[in-house]
Amino acid sequence: MAKIKVTKQKSAINRTQRQKRTLVALGLKKIGQTVEHDATPNILGMVNKVKHLVSVEEA
């Protein structure tokens, strides 16, 4: 399974509750924090919903 690195780039202030919960579900709390996930359809869908707040790299 391919791995991706997701880094939080922007704040969740003034974002919808759904987007805030998606960031928490991805394991992102602080700006600049990076987490590594398997590139499953579920994770890719979550990343797509908050793509304006995060950056993604292949690991």
PDB file of N, CA and C in Angstrom:
ATOM      1  N   MET A   1       0.849  -1.179   0.000  1.00  0.00           N
ATOM      2  CA  MET A   1       0.000   0.000   0.000  1.00  0.00           C
ATOM      3  C   MET A   1       0.894   1.241   0.000  1.00  0.00           C
ATOM      4  N   ALA A   2       0.568   2.191  -0.824  1.00  0.00           N
ATOM      5  CA  ALA A   2       1.331   3.436  -0.906  1.00  0.00           C
ATOM      6  C   ALA A   2       1.095   4.265   0.360  1.00  0.00           C
ATOM      7  N   LYS A   3       2.090   5.046   0.704  1.00  0.00           N
ATOM      8  CA  LYS A   3       1.996   5.929   1.873  1.00  0.00           C
ATOM      9  C   LYS A   3       1.978   7.370   1.406  1.00  0.00           C
ATOM     10  N   ILE A   4       1.271   8.211   2.165  1.00  0.00           N
ATOM     11  CA  ILE A   4       1.273   9.649   1.898  1.00  0.00           C
ATOM     12  C   ILE A   4       1.589  10.383   3.194  1.00  0.00           C
ATOM     13  N   LYS A   5       2.230  11.542   3.072  1.00  0.00           N
ATOM     14  CA  LYS A   5       2.481  12.422   4.198  1.00  0.00           C
ATOM     15  C   LYS A   5       1.560  13.620   4.063  1.00  0.00           C
ATOM     16  N   VAL A   6       0.796  13.887   5.107  1.00  0.00           N
ATOM     17  CA  VAL A   6      -0.143  15.002   5.111  1.00  0.00           C
ATOM     18  C   VAL A   6       0.333  16.019   6.141  1.00  0.00           C
ATOM     19  N   THR A   7       0.500  17.270   5.722  1.00  0.00           N
ATOM     20  CA  THR A   7       0.972  18.341   6.597  1.00  0.00           C
ATOM     21  C   THR A   7      -0.074  19.436   6.676  1.00  0.00           C
ATOM     22  N   LYS A   8      -0.407  19.837   7.885  1.00  0.00           N
ATOM     23  CA  LYS A   8      -1.372  20.926   8.076  1.00  0.00           C
ATOM     24  C   LYS A   8      -0.674  22.254   7.785  1.00  0.00           C
ATOM     25  N   GLN A   9      -1.230  23.041   6.864  1.00  0.00           N
ATOM     26  CA  GLN A   9      -0.614  24.291   6.441  1.00  0.00           C
ATOM     27  C   GLN A   9      -1.361  25.526   6.943  1.00  0.00           C
ATOM     28  N   LYS A  10      -2.667  25.408   7.123  1.00  0.00           N
ATOM     29  CA  LYS A  10      -3.482  26.563   7.500  1.00  0.00           C
ATOM     30  C   LYS A  10      -4.329  26.240   8.721  1.00  0.00           C
ATOM     31  N   SER A  11      -4.805  27.271   9.373  1.00  0.00           N
ATOM     32  CA  SER A  11      -5.618  27.145  10.570  1.00  0.00           C
ATOM     33  C   SER A  11      -7.036  26.680  10.232  1.00  0.00           C
ATOM     34  N   ALA A  12      -7.677  26.047  11.211  1.00  0.00           N
ATOM     35  CA  ALA A  12      -9.062  25.602  11.057  1.00  0.00           C
ATOM     36  C   ALA A  12     -10.057  26.636  11.601  1.00  0.00           C
ATOM     37  N   ILE A  13      -9.558  27.791  12.020  1.00  0.00           N
ATOM     38  CA  ILE A  13     -10.443  28.852  12.504  1.00  0.00           C
ATOM     39  C   ILE A  13     -11.319  29.330  11.343  1.00  0.00           C
ATOM     40  N   ASN A  14     -12.579  29.575  11.618  1.00  0.00           N
ATOM     41  CA  ASN A  14     -13.586  29.986  10.632  1.00  0.00           C
ATOM     42  C   ASN A  14     -13.851  28.918   9.582  1.00  0.00           C
ATOM     43  N   ARG A  15     -13.630  27.661   9.920  1.00  0.00           N
ATOM     44  CA  ARG A  15     -13.962  26.543   9.041  1.00  0.00           C
ATOM     45  C   ARG A  15     -15.163  25.822   9.628  1.00  0.00           C
ATOM     46  N   THR A  16     -15.822  25.020   8.815  1.00  0.00           N
ATOM     47  CA  THR A  16     -16.992  24.299   9.295  1.00  0.00           C
ATOM     48  C   THR A  16     -16.577  23.234  10.300  1.00  0.00           C
ATOM     49  N   GLN A  17     -17.521  22.834  11.128  1.00  0.00           N
ATOM     50  CA  GLN A  17     -17.264  21.799  12.132  1.00  0.00           C
ATOM     51  C   GLN A  17     -16.844  20.498  11.455  1.00  0.00           C
ATOM     52  N   ARG A  18     -17.397  20.216  10.296  1.00  0.00           N
ATOM     53  CA  ARG A  18     -17.061  19.005   9.558  1.00  0.00           C
ATOM     54  C   ARG A  18     -15.587  19.001   9.141  1.00  0.00           C
ATOM     55  N   GLN A  19     -15.091  20.143   8.689  1.00  0.00           N
ATOM     56  CA  GLN A  19     -13.689  20.233   8.294  1.00  0.00           C
ATOM     57  C   GLN A  19     -12.773  20.115   9.510  1.00  0.00           C
ATOM     58  N   LYS A  20     -13.163  20.721  10.626  1.00  0.00           N
ATOM     59  CA  LYS A  20     -12.365  20.620  11.849  1.00  0.00           C
ATOM     60  C   LYS A  20     -12.267  19.165  12.309  1.00  0.00           C
ATOM     61  N   ARG A  21     -13.383  18.459  12.257  1.00  0.00           N
ATOM     62  CA  ARG A  21     -13.395  17.057  12.678  1.00  0.00           C
ATOM     63  C   ARG A  21     -12.599  16.179  11.725  1.00  0.00           C
ATOM     64  N   THR A  22     -12.604  16.516  10.454  1.00  0.00           N
ATOM     65  CA  THR A  22     -11.817  15.765   9.482  1.00  0.00           C
ATOM     66  C   THR A  22     -10.327  15.913   9.777  1.00  0.00           C
ATOM     67  N   LEU A  23      -9.886  17.121  10.106  1.00  0.00           N
ATOM     68  CA  LEU A  23      -8.478  17.330  10.456  1.00  0.00           C
ATOM     69  C   LEU A  23      -8.097  16.528  11.690  1.00  0.00           C
ATOM     70  N   VAL A  24      -8.955  16.514  12.694  1.00  0.00           N
ATOM     71  CA  VAL A  24      -8.678  15.751  13.908  1.00  0.00           C
ATOM     72  C   VAL A  24      -8.641  14.256  13.590  1.00  0.00           C
ATOM     73  N   ALA A  25      -9.547  13.795  12.750  1.00  0.00           N
ATOM     74  CA  ALA A  25      -9.581  12.380  12.371  1.00  0.00           C
ATOM     75  C   ALA A  25      -8.320  11.976  11.614  1.00  0.00           C
ATOM     76  N   LEU A  26      -7.733  12.914  10.879  1.00  0.00           N
ATOM     77  CA  LEU A  26      -6.472  12.645  10.192  1.00  0.00           C
ATOM     78  C   LEU A  26      -5.289  12.693  11.162  1.00  0.00           C
ATOM     79  N   GLY A  27      -5.502  13.191  12.360  1.00  0.00           N
ATOM     80  CA  GLY A  27      -4.438  13.268  13.354  1.00  0.00           C
ATOM     81  C   GLY A  27      -3.689  14.579  13.333  1.00  0.00           C
ATOM     82  N   LEU A  28      -4.276  15.608  12.726  1.00  0.00           N
ATOM     83  CA  LEU A  28      -3.621  16.910  12.599  1.00  0.00           C
ATOM     84  C   LEU A  28      -4.205  17.885  13.614  1.00  0.00           C
ATOM     85  N   LYS A  29      -3.330  18.423  14.479  1.00  0.00           N
ATOM     86  CA  LYS A  29      -3.780  19.373  15.488  1.00  0.00           C
ATOM     87  C   LYS A  29      -3.132  20.731  15.305  1.00  0.00           C
ATOM     88  N   LYS A  30      -1.826  20.744  15.102  1.00  0.00           N
ATOM     89  CA  LYS A  30      -1.096  22.006  15.023  1.00  0.00           C
ATOM     90  C   LYS A  30      -0.632  22.286  13.597  1.00  0.00           C
ATOM     91  N   ILE A  31      -0.487  23.556  13.270  1.00  0.00           N
ATOM     92  CA  ILE A  31       0.029  23.950  11.964  1.00  0.00           C
ATOM     93  C   ILE A  31       1.480  23.470  11.862  1.00  0.00           C
ATOM     94  N   GLY A  32       1.810  22.865  10.743  1.00  0.00           N
ATOM     95  CA  GLY A  32       3.151  22.344  10.530  1.00  0.00           C
ATOM     96  C   GLY A  32       3.306  20.886  10.919  1.00  0.00           C
ATOM     97  N   GLN A  33       2.297  20.333  11.568  1.00  0.00           N
ATOM     98  CA  GLN A  33       2.352  18.934  11.977  1.00  0.00           C
ATOM     99  C   GLN A  33       2.191  18.029  10.762  1.00  0.00           C
ATOM    100  N   THR A  34       2.959  16.950  10.712  1.00  0.00           N
ATOM    101  CA  THR A  34       2.904  16.008   9.606  1.00  0.00           C
ATOM    102  C   THR A  34       2.556  14.624  10.136  1.00  0.00           C
ATOM    103  N   VAL A  35       1.655  13.947   9.429  1.00  0.00           N
ATOM    104  CA  VAL A  35       1.316  12.565   9.759  1.00  0.00           C
ATOM    105  C   VAL A  35       1.435  11.729   8.492  1.00  0.00           C
ATOM    106  N   GLU A  36       1.656  10.444   8.676  1.00  0.00           N
ATOM    107  CA  GLU A  36       1.787   9.527   7.548  1.00  0.00           C
ATOM    108  C   GLU A  36       0.633   8.534   7.585  1.00  0.00           C
ATOM    109  N   HIS A  37      -0.016   8.340   6.451  1.00  0.00           N
ATOM    110  CA  HIS A  37      -1.142   7.425   6.332  1.00  0.00           C
ATOM    111  C   HIS A  37      -0.965   6.558   5.102  1.00  0.00           C
ATOM    112  N   ASP A  38      -1.651   5.405   5.104  1.00  0.00           N
ATOM    113  CA  ASP A  38      -1.763   4.609   3.884  1.00  0.00           C
ATOM    114  C   ASP A  38      -2.688   5.346   2.930  1.00  0.00           C
ATOM    115  N   ALA A  39      -2.441   5.223   1.645  1.00  0.00           N
ATOM    116  CA  ALA A  39      -3.241   5.934   0.641  1.00  0.00           C
ATOM    117  C   ALA A  39      -4.488   5.122   0.288  1.00  0.00           C
ATOM    118  N   THR A  40      -5.361   4.933   1.267  1.00  0.00           N
ATOM    119  CA  THR A  40      -6.621   4.221   1.035  1.00  0.00           C
ATOM    120  C   THR A  40      -7.665   5.199   0.503  1.00  0.00           C
ATOM    121  N   PRO A  41      -8.709   4.692  -0.127  1.00  0.00           N
ATOM    122  CA  PRO A  41      -9.770   5.594  -0.610  1.00  0.00           C
ATOM    123  C   PRO A  41     -10.387   6.438   0.501  1.00  0.00           C
ATOM    124  N   ASN A  42     -10.511   5.879   1.705  1.00  0.00           N
ATOM    125  CA  ASN A  42     -11.082   6.637   2.820  1.00  0.00           C
ATOM    126  C   ASN A  42     -10.208   7.833   3.184  1.00  0.00           C
ATOM    127  N   ILE A  43      -8.928   7.605   3.314  1.00  0.00           N
ATOM    128  CA  ILE A  43      -7.995   8.675   3.686  1.00  0.00           C
ATOM    129  C   ILE A  43      -7.901   9.712   2.573  1.00  0.00           C
ATOM    130  N   LEU A  44      -7.835   9.264   1.327  1.00  0.00           N
ATOM    131  CA  LEU A  44      -7.756  10.191   0.204  1.00  0.00           C
ATOM    132  C   LEU A  44      -9.001  11.062   0.106  1.00  0.00           C
ATOM    133  N   GLY A  45     -10.152  10.508   0.431  1.00  0.00           N
ATOM    134  CA  GLY A  45     -11.390  11.283   0.446  1.00  0.00           C
ATOM    135  C   GLY A  45     -11.384  12.339   1.535  1.00  0.00           C
ATOM    136  N   MET A  46     -10.847  11.983   2.708  1.00  0.00           N
ATOM    137  CA  MET A  46     -10.751  12.946   3.804  1.00  0.00           C
ATOM    138  C   MET A  46      -9.795  14.074   3.443  1.00  0.00           C
ATOM    139  N   VAL A  47      -8.672  13.712   2.846  1.00  0.00           N
ATOM    140  CA  VAL A  47      -7.688  14.725   2.436  1.00  0.00           C
ATOM    141  C   VAL A  47      -8.297  15.650   1.389  1.00  0.00           C
ATOM    142  N   ASN A  48      -9.081  15.095   0.486  1.00  0.00           N
ATOM    143  CA  ASN A  48      -9.706  15.899  -0.568  1.00  0.00           C
ATOM    144  C   ASN A  48     -10.673  16.932   0.011  1.00  0.00           C
ATOM    145  N   LYS A  49     -11.338  16.602   1.118  1.00  0.00           N
ATOM    146  CA  LYS A  49     -12.288  17.530   1.740  1.00  0.00           C
ATOM    147  C   LYS A  49     -11.600  18.721   2.403  1.00  0.00           C
ATOM    148  N   VAL A  50     -10.349  18.558   2.804  1.00  0.00           N
ATOM    149  CA  VAL A  50      -9.619  19.647   3.463  1.00  0.00           C
ATOM    150  C   VAL A  50      -8.348  20.000   2.694  1.00  0.00           C
ATOM    151  N   LYS A  51      -8.369  19.811   1.391  1.00  0.00           N
ATOM    152  CA  LYS A  51      -7.167  20.026   0.569  1.00  0.00           C
ATOM    153  C   LYS A  51      -6.683  21.472   0.594  1.00  0.00           C
ATOM    154  N   HIS A  52      -7.571  22.411   0.922  1.00  0.00           N
ATOM    155  CA  HIS A  52      -7.173  23.813   0.993  1.00  0.00           C
ATOM    156  C   HIS A  52      -6.458  24.138   2.304  1.00  0.00           C
ATOM    157  N   LEU A  53      -6.434  23.201   3.255  1.00  0.00           N
ATOM    158  CA  LEU A  53      -5.788  23.412   4.551  1.00  0.00           C
ATOM    159  C   LEU A  53      -4.511  22.589   4.714  1.00  0.00           C
ATOM    160  N   VAL A  54      -4.285  21.616   3.836  1.00  0.00           N
ATOM    161  CA  VAL A  54      -3.164  20.710   4.003  1.00  0.00           C
ATOM    162  C   VAL A  54      -2.349  20.597   2.716  1.00  0.00           C
ATOM    163  N   SER A  55      -1.142  20.062   2.854  1.00  0.00           N
ATOM    164  CA  SER A  55      -0.352  19.695   1.685  1.00  0.00           C
ATOM    165  C   SER A  55      -0.072  18.189   1.773  1.00  0.00           C
ATOM    166  N   VAL A  56       0.054  17.557   0.605  1.00  0.00           N
ATOM    167  CA  VAL A  56       0.199  16.106   0.556  1.00  0.00           C
ATOM    168  C   VAL A  56       1.438  15.752  -0.270  1.00  0.00           C
ATOM    169  N   GLU A  57       2.219  14.798   0.235  1.00  0.00           N
ATOM    170  CA  GLU A  57       3.386  14.284  -0.476  1.00  0.00           C
ATOM    171  C   GLU A  57       3.326  12.766  -0.462  1.00  0.00           C
ATOM    172  N   GLU A  58       3.878  12.135  -1.490  1.00  0.00           N
ATOM    173  CA  GLU A  58       4.022  10.693  -1.457  1.00  0.00           C
ATOM    174  C   GLU A  58       5.253  10.352  -0.643  1.00  0.00           C
ATOM    175  N   ALA A  59       5.130   9.313   0.171  1.00  0.00           N
ATOM    176  CA  ALA A  59       6.258   8.938   1.040  1.00  0.00           C
ATOM    177  C   ALA A  59       6.929   7.672   0.517  1.00  0.00           C
TER     178      ALA A  59
END
